[in-house]
Amino acid sequence: MAHALALMVAQVNADPTASGMPGAQLIQQLLNWLSQVAALWGSLASILGGAALYGVAQNSGYSQGAYRGKQLAVGGVAGACLAGIAPTAINLLFRAAGG
C-alpha cells in the first residue's frame, strides 16, 4: 500500500509557463526594472564609491579604508557580472533539469 502511494506521488508533472497568466507582462517589466535599478545601478554605485574610498584612504595613509574601498569596487564588479549572467544561468539549469 505504501509503495503504491509512493509511486503515485512520485509521478508529479509540472510545466511552468507564464502564457495566459494575468499580469505576466507587468511582472516581466518589473523584473527588468529591478534588474536595471537594483543590480546594475547598485553595482555602479559600489564601484564608484569603492574607488573614491580607495583613493581618499590611500592618499591619507589609511590602509584599512583603502582595503575596504578595494572590496567595495570588486564587489560591484562581481554584482554586475552576476546580474548579467543570472537569467542565463536560471534558464540553463531549468533546461538541464528537464524543463
Protein backbone atom coordinates (compact mmCIF):
# COMPACT_ATOMS: atom_id res chain seq x y z
CA MET A 1 0.00 0.00 0.00
CA ALA A 2 2.73 2.48 0.96
CA HIS A 3 4.74 1.51 -2.11
CA ALA A 4 1.76 2.21 -4.42
CA LEU A 5 1.20 5.58 -2.75
CA ALA A 6 4.88 6.47 -3.17
CA LEU A 7 4.72 5.59 -6.88
CA MET A 8 1.59 7.68 -7.35
CA VAL A 9 3.09 10.70 -5.58
CA ALA A 10 6.39 10.36 -7.45
CA GLN A 11 4.66 10.95 -10.80
CA VAL A 12 4.23 14.70 -10.47
CA ASN A 13 4.26 16.68 -13.69
CA ALA A 14 4.61 20.46 -13.86
CA ASP A 15 5.14 22.70 -16.87
CA PRO A 16 5.98 26.21 -15.61
CA THR A 17 4.97 28.84 -18.12
CA ALA A 18 3.78 32.42 -17.98
CA SER A 19 1.48 32.14 -21.01
CA GLY A 20 -2.07 33.06 -20.14
CA MET A 21 -1.13 34.36 -16.70
CA PRO A 22 -2.85 37.67 -15.91
CA GLY A 23 -0.24 40.37 -15.44
CA ALA A 24 2.63 38.34 -16.95
CA GLN A 25 3.83 41.32 -18.99
CA LEU A 26 3.75 43.56 -15.91
CA ILE A 27 5.74 41.05 -13.85
CA GLN A 28 8.32 40.74 -16.65
CA GLN A 29 8.60 44.54 -16.86
CA LEU A 30 9.04 44.77 -13.07
CA LEU A 31 11.80 42.15 -13.19
CA ASN A 32 13.54 44.08 -15.96
CA TRP A 33 13.34 47.31 -13.98
CA LEU A 34 14.52 45.62 -10.80
CA SER A 35 17.49 44.17 -12.65
CA GLN A 36 18.33 47.60 -14.06
CA VAL A 37 17.83 49.70 -10.94
CA ALA A 38 18.83 47.45 -8.07
CA ALA A 39 21.51 45.27 -9.60
CA LEU A 40 23.25 47.38 -12.22
CA TRP A 41 22.95 50.83 -10.69
CA GLY A 42 23.77 49.41 -7.26
CA SER A 43 26.87 47.77 -8.71
CA LEU A 44 27.88 51.03 -10.37
CA ALA A 45 27.43 52.90 -7.08
CA SER A 46 29.55 50.28 -5.31
CA ILE A 47 32.33 50.55 -7.90
CA LEU A 48 32.39 54.37 -7.83
CA GLY A 49 32.07 54.58 -4.04
CA GLY A 50 34.77 51.97 -3.55
CA ALA A 51 37.11 53.74 -5.96
CA ALA A 52 36.55 57.06 -4.20
CA LEU A 53 37.10 55.50 -0.77
CA TYR A 54 40.23 53.75 -2.02
CA GLY A 55 41.66 56.97 -3.45
CA VAL A 56 40.99 59.12 -0.39
CA ALA A 57 42.12 56.47 2.09
CA GLN A 58 45.27 55.62 0.11
CA ASN A 59 46.32 59.27 -0.12
CA SER A 60 45.72 59.86 3.59
CA GLY A 61 47.60 56.72 4.67
CA TYR A 62 44.57 54.85 5.97
CA SER A 63 45.29 51.33 4.75
CA GLN A 64 42.19 49.73 6.26
CA GLY A 65 39.98 52.20 4.41
CA ALA A 66 41.87 51.57 1.18
CA TYR A 67 41.32 47.83 1.61
CA ARG A 68 37.60 48.40 2.19
CA GLY A 69 37.45 50.57 -0.93
CA LYS A 70 39.01 47.78 -2.98
CA GLN A 71 36.47 45.33 -1.53
CA LEU A 72 33.58 47.60 -2.49
CA ALA A 73 34.87 48.08 -6.03
CA VAL A 74 35.45 44.35 -6.59
CA GLY A 75 32.05 43.60 -5.04
CA GLY A 76 30.42 45.99 -7.50
CA VAL A 77 32.13 44.25 -10.42
CA ALA A 78 31.03 40.84 -9.14
CA GLY A 79 27.47 42.11 -8.65
CA ALA A 80 27.31 43.44 -12.21
CA CYS A 81 28.62 40.13 -13.58
CA LEU A 82 26.08 38.15 -11.55
CA ALA A 83 23.23 40.43 -12.61
CA GLY A 84 24.14 39.87 -16.24
CA ILE A 85 24.58 36.11 -16.04
CA ALA A 86 21.70 35.26 -13.67
CA PRO A 87 18.89 34.92 -16.27
CA THR A 88 21.07 32.73 -18.50
CA ALA A 89 22.10 30.54 -15.58
CA ILE A 90 18.50 30.09 -14.41
CA ASN A 91 17.31 29.13 -17.90
CA LEU A 92 20.25 26.76 -18.37
CA LEU A 93 19.58 24.99 -15.06
CA PHE A 94 15.86 24.76 -15.82
CA ARG A 95 16.55 23.14 -19.21
CA ALA A 96 19.13 20.81 -17.65
CA ALA A 97 16.53 19.67 -15.13
CA GLY A 98 14.29 18.60 -17.97
CA GLY A 99 12.04 21.62 -18.30
